[in-house]
């Protein structure tokens, strides 16, 4: 029997009893701060102690967030799966100004097509994702992650759930050691 929890997101690390779920918008500046700490957090906790899941939670005021989340999930279907999806999120974080409109509604990005945005990500990440991007499975993955967030009352990003409950203590400005304290106290 397949554990349905592992089917929620391809962005899963570890296999420990402490479950930490991050809900991040790929173009949110605060999500990007949290995103950059996830791998160090897993390393400090240890993969045998923690299971970390990252869900892409689109914020509608970030105009291209849905497109970028879809691109990351498309990358998850590649042969390198999770690592390619992570790479997409890394390049978006590294070049955030190229993927989020000024004040959410103006600037040069407003004249760029969705295909051009995806191709820009592909160029930075060194990936070819157009075939994966068009698969219905990507839509299903994005819907599943959105529904999971909604059923758990997730509204803003970043939001963190610890062992199945929203935990407001986690902040994007916290250091990794503080996150570990929250998980071990």
Protein backbone atom coordinates (compact mmCIF):
# COMPACT_ATOMS: atom_id res chain seq x y z
CA UNK A 1 0.00 0.00 0.00
CA UNK A 2 1.27 3.49 -0.89
CA UNK A 3 1.60 5.96 1.96
CA UNK A 4 -0.59 8.83 0.75
CA UNK A 5 1.40 11.35 2.78
CA UNK A 6 4.45 10.79 0.60
CA UNK A 7 2.33 11.45 -2.49
CA UNK A 8 1.50 15.00 -1.36
CA UNK A 9 4.67 16.59 -2.65
CA UNK A 10 7.79 15.45 -4.48
CA UNK A 11 9.75 17.90 -2.33
CA UNK A 12 10.28 15.63 0.66
CA UNK A 13 13.43 15.03 2.69
CA UNK A 14 14.13 12.74 5.59
CA UNK A 15 12.13 9.94 7.13
CA UNK A 16 11.99 10.82 10.81
CA UNK A 17 9.09 10.98 13.22
CA UNK A 18 9.10 14.78 13.49
CA UNK A 19 7.08 16.10 10.54
CA UNK A 20 7.67 19.66 9.38
CA UNK A 21 5.67 20.95 6.42
CA UNK A 22 6.61 24.24 4.76
CA UNK A 23 4.08 26.10 2.61
CA UNK A 24 6.02 28.46 0.36
CA UNK A 25 5.26 30.75 -2.56
CA UNK A 26 8.19 30.60 -5.00
CA UNK A 27 8.20 34.38 -5.57
CA UNK A 28 7.47 35.52 -2.00
CA UNK A 29 10.54 37.22 -0.46
CA UNK A 30 9.77 35.76 2.98
CA UNK A 31 9.29 32.28 1.54
CA UNK A 32 12.66 32.64 -0.16
CA UNK A 33 14.30 33.39 3.18
CA UNK A 34 12.75 30.23 4.65
CA UNK A 35 13.50 28.20 1.51
CA UNK A 36 17.23 28.87 1.79
CA UNK A 37 17.25 27.41 5.32
CA UNK A 38 15.42 24.15 4.65
CA UNK A 39 18.36 22.00 3.56
CA UNK A 40 20.58 23.23 6.44
CA UNK A 41 17.65 22.55 8.79
CA UNK A 42 17.33 18.96 7.52
CA UNK A 43 21.09 18.49 7.85
CA UNK A 44 21.10 19.79 11.43
CA UNK A 45 18.06 17.75 12.49
CA UNK A 46 19.24 14.66 10.63
CA UNK A 47 17.21 12.80 8.02
CA UNK A 48 16.57 9.99 10.50
CA UNK A 49 14.90 12.43 12.93
CA UNK A 50 12.80 14.65 10.65
CA UNK A 51 10.56 14.44 7.61
CA UNK A 52 10.36 17.75 5.77
CA UNK A 53 7.81 18.40 3.06
CA UNK A 54 7.69 21.54 0.95
CA UNK A 55 4.39 22.55 -0.64
CA UNK A 56 4.12 25.27 -3.24
CA UNK A 57 1.37 27.59 -2.08
CA UNK A 58 0.54 30.18 -4.73
CA UNK A 59 -0.21 33.69 -3.52
CA UNK A 60 -2.39 35.42 -6.16
CA UNK A 61 -0.83 38.86 -5.72
CA UNK A 62 2.46 37.40 -6.95
CA UNK A 63 1.25 37.39 -10.56
CA UNK A 64 3.47 34.66 -11.95
CA UNK A 65 3.57 32.44 -8.89
CA UNK A 66 1.20 29.86 -10.38
CA UNK A 67 3.29 29.60 -13.53
CA UNK A 68 6.49 29.25 -11.53
CA UNK A 69 5.01 26.68 -9.15
CA UNK A 70 3.85 24.71 -12.19
CA UNK A 71 7.36 24.90 -13.65
CA UNK A 72 8.89 23.56 -10.42
CA UNK A 73 6.37 20.71 -10.28
CA UNK A 74 7.04 19.96 -13.95
CA UNK A 75 10.72 19.64 -13.07
CA UNK A 76 9.73 17.11 -10.41
CA UNK A 77 8.62 14.79 -13.23
CA UNK A 78 12.10 14.74 -14.78
CA UNK A 79 14.59 11.94 -14.21
CA UNK A 80 16.18 13.91 -11.36
CA UNK A 81 12.76 14.74 -9.91
CA UNK A 82 13.07 16.37 -6.54
CA UNK A 83 16.53 17.81 -7.23
CA UNK A 84 15.42 19.43 -10.50
CA UNK A 85 12.35 20.90 -8.79
CA UNK A 86 14.60 22.25 -6.05
CA UNK A 87 16.93 23.71 -8.70
CA UNK A 88 14.00 25.58 -10.25
CA UNK A 89 13.13 27.06 -6.86
CA UNK A 90 16.78 27.98 -6.29
CA UNK A 91 17.08 29.91 -9.55
CA UNK A 92 13.81 31.73 -8.91
CA UNK A 93 15.08 32.70 -5.44
CA UNK A 94 18.45 33.78 -6.88
CA UNK A 95 16.81 35.89 -9.61
CA UNK A 96 13.58 36.83 -7.86
CA UNK A 97 13.39 40.31 -9.41
CA UNK A 98 13.15 38.68 -12.84
CA UNK A 99 10.11 36.63 -11.82
CA UNK A 100 7.97 38.99 -9.73
CA UNK A 101 6.47 42.21 -11.11
CA UNK A 102 7.29 45.50 -9.41
CA UNK A 103 4.62 46.14 -6.77
CA UNK A 104 2.93 43.00 -8.15
CA UNK A 105 1.57 44.87 -11.18
CA UNK A 106 4.11 46.79 -13.25
CA UNK A 107 7.52 46.76 -14.83
CA UNK A 108 9.19 44.98 -17.75
CA UNK A 109 7.96 41.57 -16.62
CA UNK A 110 4.40 42.58 -17.53
CA UNK A 111 5.31 42.31 -21.24
CA UNK A 112 6.82 38.81 -20.96
CA UNK A 113 4.81 35.73 -21.94
CA UNK A 114 4.41 32.68 -19.71
CA UNK A 115 6.49 30.68 -22.19
CA UNK A 116 9.30 33.23 -21.97
CA UNK A 117 9.23 33.07 -18.18
CA UNK A 118 9.41 29.26 -18.24
CA UNK A 119 12.25 29.42 -20.77
CA UNK A 120 14.12 31.91 -18.59
CA UNK A 121 13.87 29.47 -15.68
CA UNK A 122 15.00 26.61 -17.94
CA UNK A 123 18.02 28.65 -19.02
CA UNK A 124 19.12 29.46 -15.49
CA UNK A 125 18.46 25.92 -14.24
CA UNK A 126 19.95 24.15 -17.25
CA UNK A 127 16.74 22.15 -17.73
CA UNK A 128 14.31 21.48 -20.57
CA UNK A 129 10.83 21.33 -19.08
CA UNK A 130 8.34 22.08 -21.87
CA UNK A 131 7.22 18.45 -22.29
CA UNK A 132 6.71 18.00 -18.55
CA UNK A 133 5.09 21.43 -18.15
CA UNK A 134 2.17 20.43 -20.39
CA UNK A 135 1.32 17.19 -18.58
CA UNK A 136 -2.02 16.91 -16.78
CA UNK A 137 -0.16 15.33 -13.87
CA UNK A 138 1.41 18.71 -13.10
CA UNK A 139 -2.05 20.28 -12.86
CA UNK A 140 -3.13 17.46 -10.55
CA UNK A 141 -0.06 17.97 -8.34
CA UNK A 142 -0.68 21.71 -8.06
CA UNK A 143 -4.35 21.19 -7.26
CA UNK A 144 -3.50 18.60 -4.62
CA UNK A 145 -1.03 20.91 -2.92
CA UNK A 146 -3.52 23.80 -3.02
CA UNK A 147 -6.31 21.67 -1.58
CA UNK A 148 -4.05 20.35 1.16
CA UNK A 149 -3.08 23.89 2.13
CA UNK A 150 -6.69 25.07 2.11
CA UNK A 151 -7.96 22.18 4.21
CA UNK A 152 -5.33 23.06 6.80
CA UNK A 153 -6.18 26.76 6.87
CA UNK A 154 -2.99 27.93 5.17
CA UNK A 155 -3.43 31.48 3.87
CA UNK A 156 -0.06 33.19 3.76
CA UNK A 157 3.51 32.17 3.13
CA UNK A 158 5.64 31.02 4.61
CA UNK A 159 3.51 28.92 6.92
CA UNK A 160 4.87 25.91 8.80
CA UNK A 161 3.05 22.91 10.22
CA UNK A 162 4.79 20.88 12.91
CA UNK A 163 3.42 17.37 13.37
CA UNK A 164 0.19 18.26 11.60
CA UNK A 165 -0.56 21.59 13.29
CA UNK A 166 0.19 25.14 12.15
CA UNK A 167 3.04 26.44 14.30
CA UNK A 168 3.26 30.23 14.32
CA UNK A 169 6.64 30.17 16.08
CA UNK A 170 8.49 29.39 12.86
CA UNK A 171 9.57 32.55 11.07
CA UNK A 172 11.58 33.17 7.94
CA UNK A 173 13.88 35.43 9.95
CA UNK A 174 14.69 32.73 12.50
CA UNK A 175 17.97 30.90 12.35
CA UNK A 176 18.01 27.17 11.70
CA UNK A 177 18.98 26.39 15.29
CA UNK A 178 15.77 28.05 16.49
CA UNK A 179 13.73 25.84 14.17
CA UNK A 180 15.51 22.81 15.63
CA UNK A 181 14.60 23.98 19.14
CA UNK A 182 10.93 24.19 18.14
CA UNK A 183 11.08 20.61 16.90
CA UNK A 184 12.89 19.15 19.87
CA UNK A 185 11.26 20.96 22.80
